[in-house]
Each structure stands twice: as structure tokens, then as C-alpha cells.
């Protein structure tokens, strides 16, 4: 016979993972605001340190 599903555990586990993800995102945003960069900007990690130099 198949096991009975534990919906309560599954829901609590999803909520726990969601809270961890939210906390990590908030921590990254806080750290970036201290550095003066926007962590949620598209391509924020892709730009090199000398991105302000114009190339022809």
C-alpha cells in the first residue's frame, strides 16, 4: 500500500525554503547597498571593473 502524503510537512518545508530564499536575497541587497551597487540590476555581475571605459 502507498504511503499517506504529509501535506502539512510539505507546506511547511516549502514555506521554510521560501523564507530562506527571501532572507538570502535581503542579505545580498543589504551587502550591495553598502557597496553602492544594485544586486538586482540585470547584468550586474557581467560588467567588469573597468566598464566605465568607453571602447571603440
PDB file of N, CA and C in Angstrom:
ATOM      1  N   UNK A   1       0.842  -1.169   0.000  1.00  0.00           N
ATOM      2  CA  UNK A   1       0.000   0.000   0.000  1.00  0.00           C
ATOM      3  C   UNK A   1       0.896   1.246   0.000  1.00  0.00           C
ATOM      4  N   UNK A   2       0.474   2.274  -0.704  1.00  0.00           N
ATOM      5  CA  UNK A   2       1.237   3.505  -0.801  1.00  0.00           C
ATOM      6  C   UNK A   2       1.184   4.279   0.518  1.00  0.00           C
ATOM      7  N   UNK A   3       2.221   5.064   0.728  1.00  0.00           N
ATOM      8  CA  UNK A   3       2.256   5.881   1.946  1.00  0.00           C
ATOM      9  C   UNK A   3       1.275   7.035   1.840  1.00  0.00           C
ATOM     10  N   UNK A   4       0.761   7.455   2.964  1.00  0.00           N
ATOM     11  CA  UNK A   4      -0.141   8.603   3.014  1.00  0.00           C
ATOM     12  C   UNK A   4       0.723   9.868   2.921  1.00  0.00           C
ATOM     13  N   UNK A   5       0.299  10.794   2.088  1.00  0.00           N
ATOM     14  CA  UNK A   5       1.075  12.026   1.932  1.00  0.00           C
ATOM     15  C   UNK A   5       0.929  12.908   3.163  1.00  0.00           C
ATOM     16  N   UNK A   6       1.984  13.649   3.431  1.00  0.00           N
ATOM     17  CA  UNK A   6       2.005  14.537   4.591  1.00  0.00           C
ATOM     18  C   UNK A   6       2.002  15.971   4.061  1.00  0.00           C
ATOM     19  N   UNK A   7       0.819  16.462   3.755  1.00  0.00           N
ATOM     20  CA  UNK A   7       0.691  17.784   3.150  1.00  0.00           C
ATOM     21  C   UNK A   7       1.180  18.887   4.074  1.00  0.00           C
ATOM     22  N   UNK A   8       0.951  18.734   5.355  1.00  0.00           N
ATOM     23  CA  UNK A   8       1.375  19.766   6.304  1.00  0.00           C
ATOM     24  C   UNK A   8       2.897  19.917   6.280  1.00  0.00           C
ATOM     25  N   UNK A   9       3.609  18.790   6.296  1.00  0.00           N
ATOM     26  CA  UNK A   9       5.066  18.839   6.249  1.00  0.00           C
ATOM     27  C   UNK A   9       5.542  19.473   4.946  1.00  0.00           C
ATOM     28  N   UNK A  10       4.925  19.081   3.829  1.00  0.00           N
ATOM     29  CA  UNK A  10       5.332  19.624   2.539  1.00  0.00           C
ATOM     30  C   UNK A  10       5.120  21.132   2.487  1.00  0.00           C
ATOM     31  N   UNK A  11       3.995  21.599   3.017  1.00  0.00           N
ATOM     32  CA  UNK A  11       3.714  23.031   3.028  1.00  0.00           C
ATOM     33  C   UNK A  11       4.712  23.769   3.902  1.00  0.00           C
ATOM     34  N   UNK A  12       4.991  23.250   5.090  1.00  0.00           N
ATOM     35  CA  UNK A  12       5.953  23.890   5.986  1.00  0.00           C
ATOM     36  C   UNK A  12       7.342  23.914   5.366  1.00  0.00           C
ATOM     37  N   UNK A  13       7.702  22.836   4.659  1.00  0.00           N
ATOM     38  CA  UNK A  13       9.009  22.774   4.008  1.00  0.00           C
ATOM     39  C   UNK A  13       9.108  23.820   2.892  1.00  0.00           C
ATOM     40  N   UNK A  14       8.050  23.976   2.084  1.00  0.00           N
ATOM     41  CA  UNK A  14       8.048  25.000   1.034  1.00  0.00           C
ATOM     42  C   UNK A  14       8.166  26.390   1.637  1.00  0.00           C
ATOM     43  N   UNK A  15       7.427  26.637   2.714  1.00  0.00           N
ATOM     44  CA  UNK A  15       7.471  27.952   3.362  1.00  0.00           C
ATOM     45  C   UNK A  15       8.849  28.228   3.961  1.00  0.00           C
ATOM     46  N   UNK A  16       9.499  27.198   4.519  1.00  0.00           N
ATOM     47  CA  UNK A  16      10.832  27.358   5.087  1.00  0.00           C
ATOM     48  C   UNK A  16      11.840  27.704   3.995  1.00  0.00           C
ATOM     49  N   UNK A  17      11.763  26.975   2.862  1.00  0.00           N
ATOM     50  CA  UNK A  17      12.675  27.262   1.750  1.00  0.00           C
ATOM     51  C   UNK A  17      12.441  28.662   1.190  1.00  0.00           C
ATOM     52  N   UNK A  18      11.183  29.078   1.112  1.00  0.00           N
ATOM     53  CA  UNK A  18      10.855  30.409   0.615  1.00  0.00           C
ATOM     54  C   UNK A  18      11.415  31.484   1.545  1.00  0.00           C
ATOM     55  N   UNK A  19      11.299  31.263   2.865  1.00  0.00           N
ATOM     56  CA  UNK A  19      11.822  32.224   3.837  1.00  0.00           C
ATOM     57  C   UNK A  19      13.347  32.301   3.751  1.00  0.00           C
ATOM     58  N   UNK A  20      14.009  31.160   3.557  1.00  0.00           N
ATOM     59  CA  UNK A  20      15.471  31.157   3.414  1.00  0.00           C
ATOM     60  C   UNK A  20      15.889  31.939   2.170  1.00  0.00           C
ATOM     61  N   UNK A  21      15.174  31.735   1.081  1.00  0.00           N
ATOM     62  CA  UNK A  21      15.491  32.429  -0.168  1.00  0.00           C
ATOM     63  C   UNK A  21      15.282  33.936  -0.011  1.00  0.00           C
ATOM     64  N   UNK A  22      14.190  34.306   0.658  1.00  0.00           N
ATOM     65  CA  UNK A  22      13.894  35.714   0.874  1.00  0.00           C
ATOM     66  C   UNK A  22      14.956  36.366   1.756  1.00  0.00           C
ATOM     67  N   UNK A  23      15.401  35.655   2.794  1.00  0.00           N
ATOM     68  CA  UNK A  23      16.428  36.189   3.685  1.00  0.00           C
ATOM     69  C   UNK A  23      17.761  36.346   2.947  1.00  0.00           C
ATOM     70  N   UNK A  24      18.097  35.378   2.108  1.00  0.00           N
ATOM     71  CA  UNK A  24      19.343  35.462   1.342  1.00  0.00           C
ATOM     72  C   UNK A  24      19.305  36.644   0.379  1.00  0.00           C
ATOM     73  N   UNK A  25      18.159  36.857  -0.241  1.00  0.00           N
ATOM     74  CA  UNK A  25      18.017  37.968  -1.169  1.00  0.00           C
ATOM     75  C   UNK A  25      18.136  39.303  -0.438  1.00  0.00           C
ATOM     76  N   UNK A  26      17.526  39.391   0.748  1.00  0.00           N
ATOM     77  CA  UNK A  26      17.604  40.619   1.537  1.00  0.00           C
ATOM     78  C   UNK A  26      19.038  40.879   1.988  1.00  0.00           C
ATOM     79  N   UNK A  27      19.749  39.828   2.358  1.00  0.00           N
ATOM     80  CA  UNK A  27      21.138  39.962   2.790  1.00  0.00           C
ATOM     81  C   UNK A  27      22.012  40.445   1.631  1.00  0.00           C
ATOM     82  N   UNK A  28      21.789  39.888   0.440  1.00  0.00           N
ATOM     83  CA  UNK A  28      22.556  40.311  -0.734  1.00  0.00           C
ATOM     84  C   UNK A  28      22.256  41.770  -1.071  1.00  0.00           C
ATOM     85  N   UNK A  29      21.007  42.156  -0.950  1.00  0.00           N
ATOM     86  CA  UNK A  29      20.626  43.534  -1.238  1.00  0.00           C
ATOM     87  C   UNK A  29      21.260  44.481  -0.226  1.00  0.00           C
ATOM     88  N   UNK A  30      21.297  44.080   1.041  1.00  0.00           N
ATOM     89  CA  UNK A  30      21.906  44.902   2.088  1.00  0.00           C
ATOM     90  C   UNK A  30      23.407  45.063   1.843  1.00  0.00           C
ATOM     91  N   UNK A  31      24.061  43.948   1.528  1.00  0.00           N
ATOM     92  CA  UNK A  31      25.502  43.988   1.270  1.00  0.00           C
ATOM     93  C   UNK A  31      25.814  44.860   0.056  1.00  0.00           C
ATOM     94  N   UNK A  32      24.988  44.777  -0.965  1.00  0.00           N
ATOM     95  CA  UNK A  32      25.226  45.557  -2.170  1.00  0.00           C
ATOM     96  C   UNK A  32      24.962  47.040  -1.922  1.00  0.00           C
ATOM     97  N   UNK A  33      23.990  47.347  -1.083  1.00  0.00           N
ATOM     98  CA  UNK A  33      23.709  48.753  -0.816  1.00  0.00           C
ATOM     99  C   UNK A  33      24.862  49.391  -0.042  1.00  0.00           C
ATOM    100  N   UNK A  34      25.550  48.594   0.750  1.00  0.00           N
ATOM    101  CA  UNK A  34      26.732  49.097   1.448  1.00  0.00           C
ATOM    102  C   UNK A  34      27.861  49.375   0.462  1.00  0.00           C
ATOM    103  N   UNK A  35      27.918  48.580  -0.613  1.00  0.00           N
ATOM    104  CA  UNK A  35      28.942  48.752  -1.640  1.00  0.00           C
ATOM    105  C   UNK A  35      28.553  49.801  -2.667  1.00  0.00           C
ATOM    106  N   UNK A  36      27.279  50.139  -2.728  1.00  0.00           N
ATOM    107  CA  UNK A  36      26.808  51.128  -3.680  1.00  0.00           C
ATOM    108  C   UNK A  36      26.391  50.533  -5.010  1.00  0.00           C
ATOM    109  N   UNK A  37      26.245  49.223  -5.101  1.00  0.00           N
ATOM    110  CA  UNK A  37      25.830  48.568  -6.338  1.00  0.00           C
ATOM    111  C   UNK A  37      24.437  47.992  -6.161  1.00  0.00           C
ATOM    112  N   UNK A  38      23.726  47.838  -7.275  1.00  0.00           N
ATOM    113  CA  UNK A  38      22.387  47.258  -7.247  1.00  0.00           C
ATOM    114  C   UNK A  38      22.500  45.776  -7.620  1.00  0.00           C
ATOM    115  N   UNK A  39      22.252  44.847  -6.672  1.00  0.00           N
ATOM    116  CA  UNK A  39      22.423  43.422  -6.960  1.00  0.00           C
ATOM    117  C   UNK A  39      21.342  42.874  -7.872  1.00  0.00           C
ATOM    118  N   UNK A  40      20.215  43.546  -7.976  1.00  0.00           N
ATOM    119  CA  UNK A  40      19.111  43.037  -8.763  1.00  0.00           C
ATOM    120  C   UNK A  40      19.087  43.593 -10.173  1.00  0.00           C
ATOM    121  N   UNK A  41      20.036  44.455 -10.494  1.00  0.00           N
ATOM    122  CA  UNK A  41      20.099  45.020 -11.837  1.00  0.00           C
ATOM    123  C   UNK A  41      20.519  43.939 -12.830  1.00  0.00           C
ATOM    124  N   UNK A  42      19.880  43.893 -13.994  1.00  0.00           N
ATOM    125  CA  UNK A  42      20.261  42.885 -14.988  1.00  0.00           C
ATOM    126  C   UNK A  42      21.694  43.091 -15.442  1.00  0.00           C
ATOM    127  N   UNK A  43      22.454  42.025 -15.434  1.00  0.00           N
ATOM    128  CA  UNK A  43      23.834  42.095 -15.884  1.00  0.00           C
ATOM    129  C   UNK A  43      24.774  42.716 -14.878  1.00  0.00           C
ATOM    130  N   UNK A  44      24.385  42.810 -13.625  1.00  0.00           N
ATOM    131  CA  UNK A  44      25.225  43.445 -12.617  1.00  0.00           C
ATOM    132  C   UNK A  44      26.525  42.671 -12.424  1.00  0.00           C
ATOM    133  N   UNK A  45      26.469  41.339 -12.533  1.00  0.00           N
ATOM    134  CA  UNK A  45      27.678  40.542 -12.336  1.00  0.00           C
ATOM    135  C   UNK A  45      28.533  40.484 -13.599  1.00  0.00           C
ATOM    136  N   UNK A  46      27.934  40.754 -14.756  1.00  0.00           N
ATOM    137  CA  UNK A  46      28.635  40.585 -16.014  1.00  0.00           C
ATOM    138  C   UNK A  46      29.575  41.732 -16.342  1.00  0.00           C
ATOM    139  N   UNK A  47      29.402  42.892 -15.735  1.00  0.00           N
ATOM    140  CA  UNK A  47      30.215  44.040 -16.061  1.00  0.00           C
ATOM    141  C   UNK A  47      31.558  43.964 -15.349  1.00  0.00           C
ATOM    142  N   UNK A  48      32.639  44.140 -16.083  1.00  0.00           N
ATOM    143  CA  UNK A  48      33.964  44.140 -15.449  1.00  0.00           C
ATOM    144  C   UNK A  48      34.174  45.424 -14.650  1.00  0.00           C
ATOM    145  N   UNK A  49      35.222  45.453 -13.870  1.00  0.00           N
ATOM    146  CA  UNK A  49      35.503  46.603 -13.010  1.00  0.00           C
ATOM    147  C   UNK A  49      35.760  47.865 -13.826  1.00  0.00           C
ATOM    148  N   UNK A  50      36.327  47.725 -15.033  1.00  0.00           N
ATOM    149  CA  UNK A  50      36.633  48.881 -15.871  1.00  0.00           C
ATOM    150  C   UNK A  50      35.540  49.092 -16.930  1.00  0.00           C
ATOM    151  N   UNK A  51      34.290  48.911 -16.574  1.00  0.00           N
ATOM    152  CA  UNK A  51      33.175  49.033 -17.517  1.00  0.00           C
ATOM    153  C   UNK A  51      32.933  50.484 -17.920  1.00  0.00           C
ATOM    154  N   UNK A  52      33.395  51.435 -17.109  1.00  0.00           N
ATOM    155  CA  UNK A  52      33.152  52.832 -17.440  1.00  0.00           C
ATOM    156  C   UNK A  52      34.082  53.324 -18.556  1.00  0.00           C
ATOM    157  N   UNK A  53      35.070  52.555 -18.952  1.00  0.00           N
ATOM    158  CA  UNK A  53      35.964  52.915 -20.042  1.00  0.00           C
ATOM    159  C   UNK A  53      35.263  52.657 -21.358  1.00  0.00           C
ATOM    160  N   UNK A  54      35.178  53.691 -22.209  1.00  0.00           N
ATOM    161  CA  UNK A  54      34.500  53.546 -23.486  1.00  0.00           C
ATOM    162  C   UNK A  54      35.429  52.885 -24.488  1.00  0.00           C
ATOM    163  N   UNK A  55      34.897  51.891 -25.205  1.00  0.00           N
ATOM    164  CA  UNK A  55      35.694  51.173 -26.205  1.00  0.00           C
ATOM    165  C   UNK A  55      35.127  51.439 -27.588  1.00  0.00           C
ATOM    166  N   UNK A  56      36.002  51.637 -28.566  1.00  0.00           N
ATOM    167  CA  UNK A  56      35.564  51.890 -29.953  1.00  0.00           C
ATOM    168  C   UNK A  56      35.827  50.711 -30.801  1.00  0.00           C
TER     169      UNK A  56
END
